[in-house]
Amino acid sequence: MADPTPESLAKEVLIAVAIEWYREGRISQGQGALIAKMSRTEFLDELFRAKVPACQVTVDELMEEVDRAALANRQRIA
């Protein structure tokens, strides 16, 4: 394997930073892709390779959102 270039090292650092900030919940997938200078799909691939879940919402948070939507729907119909 060839020695890394300054450009390839810089790219790796940007990807690593974007992944870590996404993992911490500090940025969105779109922001991560912008920071890493890649498409959102490519960023999702990098998250997968790094074993970082692409979904930042817990099951409990998702269930609360569903409950709120169901309640709002019932109130709208009533």
N, C-alpha and C. Protein backbone atom coordinates (compact mmCIF):
# COMPACT_ATOMS: atom_id res chain seq x y z
N MET A 1 0.85 -1.18 0.00
CA MET A 1 0.00 0.00 0.00
C MET A 1 0.89 1.24 0.00
N ALA A 2 0.53 2.23 -0.78
CA ALA A 2 1.32 3.45 -0.90
C ALA A 2 1.19 4.29 0.36
N ASP A 3 2.21 5.12 0.59
CA ASP A 3 2.16 6.05 1.71
C ASP A 3 0.98 7.00 1.52
N PRO A 4 0.28 7.31 2.62
CA PRO A 4 -0.85 8.23 2.50
C PRO A 4 -0.37 9.63 2.13
N THR A 5 -1.17 10.29 1.34
CA THR A 5 -0.88 11.67 0.97
C THR A 5 -1.51 12.61 2.00
N PRO A 6 -1.04 13.85 2.06
CA PRO A 6 -1.70 14.80 2.97
C PRO A 6 -3.19 14.93 2.67
N GLU A 7 -3.56 14.85 1.39
CA GLU A 7 -4.97 14.97 1.03
C GLU A 7 -5.79 13.78 1.54
N SER A 8 -5.22 12.56 1.39
CA SER A 8 -5.96 11.38 1.86
C SER A 8 -6.07 11.36 3.38
N LEU A 9 -5.02 11.82 4.07
CA LEU A 9 -5.08 11.92 5.53
C LEU A 9 -6.12 12.94 5.97
N ALA A 10 -6.17 14.08 5.28
CA ALA A 10 -7.14 15.11 5.61
C ALA A 10 -8.56 14.58 5.42
N LYS A 11 -8.78 13.82 4.35
CA LYS A 11 -10.10 13.23 4.09
C LYS A 11 -10.47 12.26 5.21
N GLU A 12 -9.53 11.42 5.63
CA GLU A 12 -9.78 10.48 6.73
C GLU A 12 -10.15 11.20 8.01
N VAL A 13 -9.46 12.29 8.30
CA VAL A 13 -9.74 13.07 9.51
C VAL A 13 -11.15 13.67 9.44
N LEU A 14 -11.51 14.23 8.29
CA LEU A 14 -12.85 14.80 8.15
C LEU A 14 -13.92 13.74 8.35
N ILE A 15 -13.71 12.57 7.78
CA ILE A 15 -14.69 11.48 7.93
C ILE A 15 -14.78 11.06 9.40
N ALA A 16 -13.63 10.90 10.04
CA ALA A 16 -13.61 10.48 11.45
C ALA A 16 -14.31 11.50 12.35
N VAL A 17 -14.05 12.76 12.11
CA VAL A 17 -14.69 13.81 12.91
C VAL A 17 -16.20 13.80 12.68
N ALA A 18 -16.61 13.71 11.43
CA ALA A 18 -18.04 13.71 11.11
C ALA A 18 -18.74 12.51 11.76
N ILE A 19 -18.11 11.34 11.70
CA ILE A 19 -18.70 10.15 12.31
C ILE A 19 -18.81 10.32 13.82
N GLU A 20 -17.77 10.81 14.45
CA GLU A 20 -17.79 10.97 15.91
C GLU A 20 -18.84 11.99 16.33
N TRP A 21 -18.89 13.11 15.65
CA TRP A 21 -19.90 14.12 16.00
C TRP A 21 -21.31 13.60 15.77
N TYR A 22 -21.50 12.82 14.71
CA TYR A 22 -22.81 12.22 14.47
C TYR A 22 -23.13 11.23 15.59
N ARG A 23 -22.16 10.38 15.95
CA ARG A 23 -22.38 9.41 17.03
C ARG A 23 -22.77 10.09 18.33
N GLU A 24 -22.18 11.26 18.59
CA GLU A 24 -22.48 12.02 19.81
C GLU A 24 -23.81 12.76 19.71
N GLY A 25 -24.42 12.77 18.52
CA GLY A 25 -25.70 13.47 18.34
C GLY A 25 -25.55 14.96 18.12
N ARG A 26 -24.33 15.40 17.84
CA ARG A 26 -24.07 16.84 17.67
C ARG A 26 -24.45 17.35 16.29
N ILE A 27 -24.48 16.44 15.29
CA ILE A 27 -24.80 16.85 13.93
C ILE A 27 -25.73 15.81 13.29
N SER A 28 -26.37 16.22 12.20
CA SER A 28 -27.26 15.33 11.45
C SER A 28 -26.47 14.56 10.40
N GLN A 29 -27.14 13.61 9.74
CA GLN A 29 -26.50 12.87 8.66
C GLN A 29 -26.08 13.83 7.54
N GLY A 30 -26.96 14.77 7.20
CA GLY A 30 -26.65 15.72 6.15
C GLY A 30 -25.44 16.58 6.49
N GLN A 31 -25.38 17.04 7.74
CA GLN A 31 -24.24 17.84 8.17
C GLN A 31 -22.96 17.00 8.16
N GLY A 32 -23.08 15.73 8.57
CA GLY A 32 -21.92 14.84 8.55
C GLY A 32 -21.40 14.65 7.14
N ALA A 33 -22.32 14.48 6.19
CA ALA A 33 -21.92 14.32 4.80
C ALA A 33 -21.21 15.58 4.29
N LEU A 34 -21.73 16.74 4.66
CA LEU A 34 -21.08 18.00 4.24
C LEU A 34 -19.67 18.11 4.82
N ILE A 35 -19.54 17.82 6.10
CA ILE A 35 -18.23 17.91 6.76
C ILE A 35 -17.24 16.94 6.10
N ALA A 36 -17.72 15.72 5.81
CA ALA A 36 -16.86 14.70 5.21
C ALA A 36 -16.68 14.88 3.71
N LYS A 37 -17.36 15.88 3.16
CA LYS A 37 -17.28 16.18 1.72
C LYS A 37 -17.66 14.97 0.87
N MET A 38 -18.84 14.42 1.19
CA MET A 38 -19.35 13.27 0.44
C MET A 38 -20.87 13.33 0.41
N SER A 39 -21.46 12.44 -0.36
CA SER A 39 -22.92 12.38 -0.41
C SER A 39 -23.44 11.77 0.89
N ARG A 40 -24.72 11.97 1.13
CA ARG A 40 -25.32 11.39 2.33
C ARG A 40 -25.24 9.86 2.26
N THR A 41 -25.45 9.29 1.10
CA THR A 41 -25.36 7.84 0.93
C THR A 41 -23.97 7.34 1.27
N GLU A 42 -22.95 8.06 0.80
CA GLU A 42 -21.57 7.67 1.12
C GLU A 42 -21.32 7.78 2.63
N PHE A 43 -21.88 8.83 3.25
CA PHE A 43 -21.71 9.00 4.68
C PHE A 43 -22.39 7.85 5.43
N LEU A 44 -23.57 7.44 4.99
CA LEU A 44 -24.24 6.30 5.61
C LEU A 44 -23.40 5.04 5.50
N ASP A 45 -22.75 4.86 4.35
CA ASP A 45 -21.84 3.72 4.18
C ASP A 45 -20.69 3.79 5.19
N GLU A 46 -20.16 4.99 5.40
CA GLU A 46 -19.06 5.17 6.37
C GLU A 46 -19.55 4.89 7.78
N LEU A 47 -20.79 5.30 8.11
CA LEU A 47 -21.35 4.99 9.43
C LEU A 47 -21.45 3.49 9.62
N PHE A 48 -21.91 2.79 8.58
CA PHE A 48 -22.03 1.34 8.64
C PHE A 48 -20.67 0.69 8.88
N ARG A 49 -19.66 1.15 8.14
CA ARG A 49 -18.31 0.59 8.30
C ARG A 49 -17.77 0.84 9.71
N ALA A 50 -18.13 1.99 10.27
CA ALA A 50 -17.67 2.34 11.62
C ALA A 50 -18.55 1.73 12.72
N LYS A 51 -19.59 0.99 12.29
CA LYS A 51 -20.53 0.36 13.23
C LYS A 51 -21.24 1.40 14.10
N VAL A 52 -21.60 2.52 13.49
CA VAL A 52 -22.35 3.58 14.17
C VAL A 52 -23.77 3.53 13.63
N PRO A 53 -24.77 3.37 14.51
CA PRO A 53 -26.15 3.31 14.03
C PRO A 53 -26.54 4.58 13.26
N ALA A 54 -27.20 4.38 12.14
CA ALA A 54 -27.62 5.52 11.32
C ALA A 54 -28.83 6.23 11.92
N CYS A 55 -29.57 5.55 12.77
CA CYS A 55 -30.76 6.13 13.40
C CYS A 55 -30.39 6.61 14.80
N GLN A 56 -30.64 7.88 15.06
CA GLN A 56 -30.30 8.44 16.36
C GLN A 56 -31.48 8.46 17.33
N VAL A 57 -32.60 7.90 16.92
CA VAL A 57 -33.81 7.88 17.75
C VAL A 57 -33.90 6.54 18.44
N THR A 58 -34.18 6.57 19.74
CA THR A 58 -34.36 5.32 20.47
C THR A 58 -35.77 4.79 20.23
N VAL A 59 -35.99 3.54 20.57
CA VAL A 59 -37.31 2.94 20.42
C VAL A 59 -38.32 3.70 21.28
N ASP A 60 -37.93 4.06 22.50
CA ASP A 60 -38.83 4.79 23.39
C ASP A 60 -39.21 6.15 22.79
N GLU A 61 -38.23 6.85 22.23
CA GLU A 61 -38.53 8.14 21.61
C GLU A 61 -39.46 7.97 20.42
N LEU A 62 -39.24 6.93 19.65
CA LEU A 62 -40.09 6.67 18.50
C LEU A 62 -41.51 6.34 18.95
N MET A 63 -41.67 5.54 20.00
CA MET A 63 -43.00 5.21 20.51
C MET A 63 -43.71 6.44 21.05
N GLU A 64 -42.97 7.34 21.71
CA GLU A 64 -43.57 8.59 22.19
C GLU A 64 -44.07 9.42 21.02
N GLU A 65 -43.31 9.48 19.95
CA GLU A 65 -43.70 10.23 18.76
C GLU A 65 -44.96 9.63 18.14
N VAL A 66 -45.03 8.31 18.08
CA VAL A 66 -46.22 7.64 17.54
C VAL A 66 -47.43 7.94 18.41
N ASP A 67 -47.25 7.88 19.73
CA ASP A 67 -48.35 8.19 20.65
C ASP A 67 -48.83 9.62 20.47
N ARG A 68 -47.90 10.57 20.35
CA ARG A 68 -48.28 11.98 20.14
C ARG A 68 -49.05 12.16 18.83
N ALA A 69 -48.59 11.49 17.78
CA ALA A 69 -49.26 11.60 16.49
C ALA A 69 -50.66 10.99 16.56
N ALA A 70 -50.80 9.86 17.23
CA ALA A 70 -52.11 9.21 17.36
C ALA A 70 -53.06 10.10 18.15
N LEU A 71 -52.59 10.69 19.24
CA LEU A 71 -53.40 11.59 20.03
C LEU A 71 -53.83 12.81 19.22
N ALA A 72 -52.92 13.39 18.50
CA ALA A 72 -53.23 14.56 17.67
C ALA A 72 -54.25 14.18 16.60
N ASN A 73 -54.14 13.00 16.05
CA ASN A 73 -55.08 12.54 15.03
C ASN A 73 -56.47 12.35 15.64
N ARG A 74 -56.54 11.74 16.83
CA ARG A 74 -57.83 11.56 17.50
C ARG A 74 -58.48 12.90 17.83
N GLN A 75 -57.67 13.87 18.28
CA GLN A 75 -58.20 15.19 18.60
C GLN A 75 -58.70 15.90 17.35
N ARG A 76 -58.02 15.71 16.25
CA ARG A 76 -58.41 16.35 15.00
C ARG A 76 -59.72 15.78 14.50
N ILE A 77 -59.92 14.47 14.68
CA ILE A 77 -61.13 13.81 14.19
C ILE A 77 -62.32 14.14 15.08
N ALA A 78 -62.09 14.29 16.38
CA ALA A 78 -63.19 14.53 17.34
C ALA A 78 -63.86 15.86 17.19
